Amino acid sequence: MEVLSRNLARVRRDIVEDRQGVPLALAVAVVDASTCEPIPDAAVDIWHCDALGLYSGEPSEGSEGKTFLRGLQLTDANGQAEFATIYPGQYPGRTTHIHLKVHTGGRQSNGTYAGGHTSHTGQLFTTDRTDTEVFALTPYNRNAAEITPRDADFIFRDQGGSSSALKLTRAGNDLARNGFTAAVTLGVDPGAS
């Protein structure tokens, strides 16, 4: 049985908390890789850094006990989970990404998820073009990290990152206010660990 930190296993749709940035509405569909059938009640677990490249829950970054930009959603009967977050920032040596795990076989209780096992671990990637556009805006433009293009990122380049690229769509004319919508479908083996 997998044990997730209670603070980091919070079931919630909106994971922004006090972080500023370009809004991102992220929809994740989870399907069985063998049958393409939706997998209901899978826990989609995402986390990413803020506009300045900082993660919550990281003692080395002074954010131990914080939960911004981390959360889980259980998939519905159609295998869909949705999150309200912000466009991630970058930190040295990595291109823009969102960490993602899919847990199956566990259950939700008192606002957290427990049990089961991890069926998928991966990352979702943005595009260099949207990174350039977003990183010119506040607060991203205060991030001192040099922008790392996707092809210079060893995980994107060496582990099939192009198959994990998000399809980003502008949600309105004002990027800073309206942000993006993004969707991805993950084919997973629900029995895999």
C-alpha atoms as a PDB file:
ATOM      1  CA  MET A   1       0.000   0.000   0.000  1.00  0.00           C
ATOM      2  CA  GLU A   2       1.278   3.440  -0.960  1.00  0.00           C
ATOM      3  CA  VAL A   3       1.499   6.128   1.695  1.00  0.00           C
ATOM      4  CA  LEU A   4       1.141   9.761   0.641  1.00  0.00           C
ATOM      5  CA  SER A   5       1.852  12.660   2.972  1.00  0.00           C
ATOM      6  CA  ARG A   6      -1.509  13.834   4.351  1.00  0.00           C
ATOM      7  CA  ASN A   7      -0.752  17.460   3.461  1.00  0.00           C
ATOM      8  CA  LEU A   8       0.296  16.587  -0.086  1.00  0.00           C
ATOM      9  CA  ALA A   9      -2.586  14.157  -0.750  1.00  0.00           C
ATOM     10  CA  ARG A  10      -5.350  16.768  -0.504  1.00  0.00           C
ATOM     11  CA  VAL A  11      -8.245  16.161  -2.873  1.00  0.00           C
ATOM     12  CA  ARG A  12      -9.083  19.540  -4.397  1.00  0.00           C
ATOM     13  CA  ARG A  13      -9.722  21.062  -7.789  1.00  0.00           C
ATOM     14  CA  ASP A  14      -8.235  24.534  -7.166  1.00  0.00           C
ATOM     15  CA  ILE A  15      -4.555  24.228  -6.204  1.00  0.00           C
ATOM     16  CA  VAL A  16      -3.490  27.858  -6.685  1.00  0.00           C
ATOM     17  CA  GLU A  17      -3.734  29.113  -3.080  1.00  0.00           C
ATOM     18  CA  ASP A  18      -1.762  32.408  -2.872  1.00  0.00           C
ATOM     19  CA  ARG A  19       0.365  31.950  -6.014  1.00  0.00           C
ATOM     20  CA  GLN A  20       0.186  34.578  -8.733  1.00  0.00           C
ATOM     21  CA  GLY A  21       0.397  33.687 -12.407  1.00  0.00           C
ATOM     22  CA  VAL A  22      -1.363  33.075 -15.694  1.00  0.00           C
ATOM     23  CA  PRO A  23      -4.467  30.912 -15.082  1.00  0.00           C
ATOM     24  CA  LEU A  24      -4.392  27.358 -16.402  1.00  0.00           C
ATOM     25  CA  ALA A  25      -7.478  25.119 -16.519  1.00  0.00           C
ATOM     26  CA  LEU A  26      -6.062  21.605 -16.870  1.00  0.00           C
ATOM     27  CA  ALA A  27      -8.225  18.612 -17.851  1.00  0.00           C
ATOM     28  CA  VAL A  28      -6.719  15.135 -17.570  1.00  0.00           C
ATOM     29  CA  ALA A  29      -8.489  12.077 -19.005  1.00  0.00           C
ATOM     30  CA  VAL A  30      -7.318   8.688 -17.731  1.00  0.00           C
ATOM     31  CA  VAL A  31      -8.014   5.631 -19.877  1.00  0.00           C
ATOM     32  CA  ASP A  32      -6.952   1.998 -19.750  1.00  0.00           C
ATOM     33  CA  ALA A  33      -4.019   1.649 -22.175  1.00  0.00           C
ATOM     34  CA  SER A  34      -5.248  -1.791 -23.312  1.00  0.00           C
ATOM     35  CA  THR A  35      -8.928  -1.049 -23.861  1.00  0.00           C
ATOM     36  CA  CYS A  36      -9.094   2.774 -24.170  1.00  0.00           C
ATOM     37  CA  GLU A  37     -11.974   2.647 -21.663  1.00  0.00           C
ATOM     38  CA  PRO A  38     -12.156   5.477 -19.073  1.00  0.00           C
ATOM     39  CA  ILE A  39     -10.849   4.663 -15.600  1.00  0.00           C
ATOM     40  CA  PRO A  40     -13.194   6.110 -12.963  1.00  0.00           C
ATOM     41  CA  ASP A  41     -12.006   6.873  -9.404  1.00  0.00           C
ATOM     42  CA  ALA A  42      -8.325   7.085 -10.353  1.00  0.00           C
ATOM     43  CA  ALA A  43      -6.495   9.752  -8.353  1.00  0.00           C
ATOM     44  CA  VAL A  44      -4.694  12.218 -10.611  1.00  0.00           C
ATOM     45  CA  ASP A  45      -1.936  13.803  -8.525  1.00  0.00           C
ATOM     46  CA  ILE A  46      -0.230  16.933  -9.924  1.00  0.00           C
ATOM     47  CA  TRP A  47       2.363  19.357  -8.636  1.00  0.00           C
ATOM     48  CA  HIS A  48       4.549  22.035 -10.181  1.00  0.00           C
ATOM     49  CA  CYS A  49       6.618  25.079  -9.324  1.00  0.00           C
ATOM     50  CA  ASP A  50       5.284  28.613  -9.123  1.00  0.00           C
ATOM     51  CA  ALA A  51       6.099  31.502 -11.460  1.00  0.00           C
ATOM     52  CA  LEU A  52       9.452  32.031  -9.706  1.00  0.00           C
ATOM     53  CA  GLY A  53      10.467  28.361  -9.886  1.00  0.00           C
ATOM     54  CA  LEU A  54       9.635  27.397  -6.271  1.00  0.00           C
ATOM     55  CA  TYR A  55       7.856  24.224  -5.138  1.00  0.00           C
ATOM     56  CA  SER A  56       5.713  23.832  -2.045  1.00  0.00           C
ATOM     57  CA  GLY A  57       6.533  21.088   0.446  1.00  0.00           C
ATOM     58  CA  GLU A  58      10.289  21.482  -0.087  1.00  0.00           C
ATOM     59  CA  PRO A  59      12.401  22.133   3.043  1.00  0.00           C
ATOM     60  CA  SER A  60      15.344  23.230   0.857  1.00  0.00           C
ATOM     61  CA  GLU A  61      13.152  26.015  -0.579  1.00  0.00           C
ATOM     62  CA  GLY A  62      11.683  27.099   2.773  1.00  0.00           C
ATOM     63  CA  SER A  63       8.235  25.813   1.843  1.00  0.00           C
ATOM     64  CA  GLU A  64       7.957  22.749   4.085  1.00  0.00           C
ATOM     65  CA  GLY A  65       4.327  22.197   5.124  1.00  0.00           C
ATOM     66  CA  LYS A  66       2.998  24.409   2.296  1.00  0.00           C
ATOM     67  CA  THR A  67       0.675  22.906  -0.325  1.00  0.00           C
ATOM     68  CA  PHE A  68       0.418  25.512  -3.108  1.00  0.00           C
ATOM     69  CA  LEU A  69       0.249  24.067  -6.624  1.00  0.00           C
ATOM     70  CA  ARG A  70      -0.208  20.493  -5.334  1.00  0.00           C
ATOM     71  CA  GLY A  71      -3.361  18.436  -5.276  1.00  0.00           C
ATOM     72  CA  LEU A  72      -5.345  15.423  -6.392  1.00  0.00           C
ATOM     73  CA  GLN A  73      -8.621  14.906  -8.169  1.00  0.00           C
ATOM     74  CA  LEU A  74     -10.485  11.647  -8.554  1.00  0.00           C
ATOM     75  CA  THR A  75     -11.603  10.912 -12.088  1.00  0.00           C
ATOM     76  CA  ASP A  76     -15.328  10.886 -12.797  1.00  0.00           C
ATOM     77  CA  ALA A  77     -17.263   8.137 -14.611  1.00  0.00           C
ATOM     78  CA  ASN A  78     -15.737   9.383 -17.899  1.00  0.00           C
ATOM     79  CA  GLY A  79     -12.182   9.168 -16.542  1.00  0.00           C
ATOM     80  CA  GLN A  80     -11.896  12.998 -16.327  1.00  0.00           C
ATOM     81  CA  ALA A  81     -10.186  15.092 -13.660  1.00  0.00           C
ATOM     82  CA  GLU A  82      -9.926  18.892 -13.770  1.00  0.00           C
ATOM     83  CA  PHE A  83      -7.637  21.345 -12.020  1.00  0.00           C
ATOM     84  CA  ALA A  84      -7.522  25.113 -11.648  1.00  0.00           C
ATOM     85  CA  THR A  85      -3.879  26.138 -11.426  1.00  0.00           C
ATOM     86  CA  ILE A  86      -1.405  28.583 -12.967  1.00  0.00           C
ATOM     87  CA  TYR A  87       1.074  28.210 -15.798  1.00  0.00           C
ATOM     88  CA  PRO A  88       4.260  26.813 -14.201  1.00  0.00           C
ATOM     89  CA  GLY A  89       7.518  28.719 -14.065  1.00  0.00           C
ATOM     90  CA  GLN A  90      11.003  27.326 -14.598  1.00  0.00           C
ATOM     91  CA  TYR A  91      14.103  26.692 -12.555  1.00  0.00           C
ATOM     92  CA  PRO A  92      17.699  26.208 -13.751  1.00  0.00           C
ATOM     93  CA  GLY A  93      18.257  23.277 -16.093  1.00  0.00           C
ATOM     94  CA  ARG A  94      14.619  22.240 -16.614  1.00  0.00           C
ATOM     95  CA  THR A  95      12.040  23.261 -19.152  1.00  0.00           C
ATOM     96  CA  THR A  96       8.496  24.097 -18.019  1.00  0.00           C
ATOM     97  CA  HIS A  97       6.690  21.013 -16.740  1.00  0.00           C
ATOM     98  CA  ILE A  98       3.976  19.645 -14.471  1.00  0.00           C
ATOM     99  CA  HIS A  99       4.641  16.478 -12.470  1.00  0.00           C
ATOM    100  CA  LEU A 100       1.868  13.921 -12.582  1.00  0.00           C
ATOM    101  CA  LYS A 101       1.049  10.561 -11.016  1.00  0.00           C
ATOM    102  CA  VAL A 102      -2.031   8.391 -11.407  1.00  0.00           C
ATOM    103  CA  HIS A 103      -2.947   6.279  -8.389  1.00  0.00           C
ATOM    104  CA  THR A 104      -5.468   3.444  -8.575  1.00  0.00           C
ATOM    105  CA  GLY A 105      -7.065   1.240  -5.955  1.00  0.00           C
ATOM    106  CA  GLY A 106      -7.082   3.788  -3.130  1.00  0.00           C
ATOM    107  CA  ARG A 107      -9.915   5.814  -1.672  1.00  0.00           C
ATOM    108  CA  GLN A 108     -10.856   9.314  -0.619  1.00  0.00           C
ATOM    109  CA  SER A 109     -11.662   9.998   3.010  1.00  0.00           C
ATOM    110  CA  ASN A 110     -11.921  13.315   4.879  1.00  0.00           C
ATOM    111  CA  GLY A 111     -10.560  15.324   1.938  1.00  0.00           C
ATOM    112  CA  THR A 112      -7.430  13.216   1.382  1.00  0.00           C
ATOM    113  CA  TYR A 113      -6.555  10.155  -0.674  1.00  0.00           C
ATOM    114  CA  ALA A 114      -4.922   7.020   0.719  1.00  0.00           C
ATOM    115  CA  GLY A 115      -4.064   3.471  -0.286  1.00  0.00           C
ATOM    116  CA  GLY A 116      -3.803   1.884  -3.680  1.00  0.00           C
ATOM    117  CA  HIS A 117      -0.728   2.085  -5.867  1.00  0.00           C
ATOM    118  CA  THR A 118       0.879   4.318  -8.487  1.00  0.00           C
ATOM    119  CA  SER A 119      -0.025   3.205 -12.015  1.00  0.00           C
ATOM    120  CA  HIS A 120       1.659   6.063 -13.877  1.00  0.00           C
ATOM    121  CA  THR A 121       4.404   8.597 -13.205  1.00  0.00           C
ATOM    122  CA  GLY A 122       5.268  11.282 -15.736  1.00  0.00           C
ATOM    123  CA  GLN A 123       5.487  14.936 -16.635  1.00  0.00           C
ATOM    124  CA  LEU A 124       3.448  17.227 -18.859  1.00  0.00           C
ATOM    125  CA  PHE A 125       5.207  19.886 -20.926  1.00  0.00           C
ATOM    126  CA  THR A 126       4.318  23.297 -22.317  1.00  0.00           C
ATOM    127  CA  THR A 127       5.730  24.757 -25.547  1.00  0.00           C
ATOM    128  CA  ASP A 128       8.735  27.015 -26.022  1.00  0.00           C
ATOM    129  CA  ARG A 129       6.518  29.545 -27.804  1.00  0.00           C
ATOM    130  CA  THR A 130       4.030  29.843 -24.930  1.00  0.00           C
ATOM    131  CA  ASP A 131       6.888  29.900 -22.398  1.00  0.00           C
ATOM    132  CA  THR A 132       8.371  32.952 -24.134  1.00  0.00           C
ATOM    133  CA  GLU A 133       4.990  34.676 -24.186  1.00  0.00           C
ATOM    134  CA  VAL A 134       4.113  33.894 -20.554  1.00  0.00           C
ATOM    135  CA  PHE A 135       7.567  34.562 -19.094  1.00  0.00           C
ATOM    136  CA  ALA A 136       7.443  38.145 -20.389  1.00  0.00           C
ATOM    137  CA  LEU A 137       4.505  38.772 -18.006  1.00  0.00           C
ATOM    138  CA  THR A 138       4.472  39.574 -14.281  1.00  0.00           C
ATOM    139  CA  PRO A 139       5.368  37.743 -12.014  1.00  0.00           C
ATOM    140  CA  TYR A 140       7.274  35.363 -14.326  1.00  0.00           C
ATOM    141  CA  ASN A 141       9.524  38.188 -15.529  1.00  0.00           C
ATOM    142  CA  ARG A 142      10.950  38.384 -11.980  1.00  0.00           C
ATOM    143  CA  ASN A 143      12.271  34.806 -12.242  1.00  0.00           C
ATOM    144  CA  ALA A 144      16.058  35.024 -12.647  1.00  0.00           C
ATOM    145  CA  ALA A 145      16.395  31.481 -14.069  1.00  0.00           C
ATOM    146  CA  GLU A 146      17.516  31.291 -17.679  1.00  0.00           C
ATOM    147  CA  ILE A 147      14.747  29.826 -19.848  1.00  0.00           C
ATOM    148  CA  THR A 148      15.521  26.207 -20.766  1.00  0.00           C
ATOM    149  CA  PRO A 149      14.052  25.171 -24.131  1.00  0.00           C
ATOM    150  CA  ARG A 150      12.396  21.756 -24.347  1.00  0.00           C
ATOM    151  CA  ASP A 151      15.110  20.211 -26.532  1.00  0.00           C
ATOM    152  CA  ALA A 152      17.764  21.183 -23.949  1.00  0.00           C
ATOM    153  CA  ASP A 153      15.898  19.432 -21.122  1.00  0.00           C
ATOM    154  CA  PHE A 154      17.254  15.899 -20.610  1.00  0.00           C
ATOM    155  CA  ILE A 155      13.910  14.478 -19.430  1.00  0.00           C
ATOM    156  CA  PHE A 156      11.938  15.965 -22.318  1.00  0.00           C
ATOM    157  CA  ARG A 157      14.604  14.985 -24.856  1.00  0.00           C
ATOM    158  CA  ASP A 158      15.523  11.498 -23.566  1.00  0.00           C
ATOM    159  CA  GLN A 159      12.221  10.215 -22.167  1.00  0.00           C
ATOM    160  CA  GLY A 160       9.662  10.920 -24.878  1.00  0.00           C
ATOM    161  CA  GLY A 161       8.569  14.361 -23.734  1.00  0.00           C
ATOM    162  CA  SER A 162       7.010  15.219 -27.084  1.00  0.00           C
ATOM    163  CA  SER A 163       4.319  12.598 -26.370  1.00  0.00           C
ATOM    164  CA  SER A 164       3.500  14.487 -23.141  1.00  0.00           C
ATOM    165  CA  ALA A 165       3.111  17.960 -24.613  1.00  0.00           C
ATOM    166  CA  LEU A 166      -0.007  19.821 -23.519  1.00  0.00           C
ATOM    167  CA  LYS A 167      -2.338  21.243 -26.131  1.00  0.00           C
ATOM    168  CA  LEU A 168      -2.689  24.793 -24.831  1.00  0.00           C
ATOM    169  CA  THR A 169      -5.572  26.991 -25.969  1.00  0.00           C
ATOM    170  CA  ARG A 170      -5.987  30.646 -25.065  1.00  0.00           C
ATOM    171  CA  ALA A 171      -9.053  31.157 -22.888  1.00  0.00           C
ATOM    172  CA  GLY A 172      -9.501  34.784 -23.994  1.00  0.00           C
ATOM    173  CA  ASN A 173      -7.754  37.838 -25.422  1.00  0.00           C
ATOM    174  CA  ASP A 174      -6.102  38.923 -22.163  1.00  0.00           C
ATOM    175  CA  LEU A 175      -3.496  36.222 -21.482  1.00  0.00           C
ATOM    176  CA  ALA A 176      -2.584  37.494 -17.998  1.00  0.00           C
ATOM    177  CA  ARG A 177      -6.234  37.449 -16.907  1.00  0.00           C
ATOM    178  CA  ASN A 178      -7.799  34.594 -18.935  1.00  0.00           C
ATOM    179  CA  GLY A 179      -4.831  32.275 -19.369  1.00  0.00           C
ATOM    180  CA  PHE A 180      -5.049  28.883 -21.034  1.00  0.00           C
ATOM    181  CA  THR A 181      -7.055  25.716 -21.108  1.00  0.00           C
ATOM    182  CA  ALA A 182      -5.174  22.470 -21.633  1.00  0.00           C
ATOM    183  CA  ALA A 183      -6.194  18.854 -22.032  1.00  0.00           C
ATOM    184  CA  VAL A 184      -4.337  15.575 -22.103  1.00  0.00           C
ATOM    185  CA  THR A 185      -5.355  11.925 -22.269  1.00  0.00           C
ATOM    186  CA  LEU A 186      -3.219   9.401 -20.402  1.00  0.00           C
ATOM    187  CA  GLY A 187      -3.279   5.736 -21.281  1.00  0.00           C
ATOM    188  CA  VAL A 188      -2.299   3.782 -18.142  1.00  0.00           C
ATOM    189  CA  ASP A 189      -2.210   0.201 -16.985  1.00  0.00           C
ATOM    190  CA  PRO A 190      -4.385   0.288 -13.845  1.00  0.00           C
ATOM    191  CA  GLY A 191      -2.729  -2.893 -12.541  1.00  0.00           C
ATOM    192  CA  ALA A 192       0.836  -1.614 -12.938  1.00  0.00           C
ATOM    193  CA  SER A 193       2.877  -0.461  -9.980  1.00  0.00           C
END
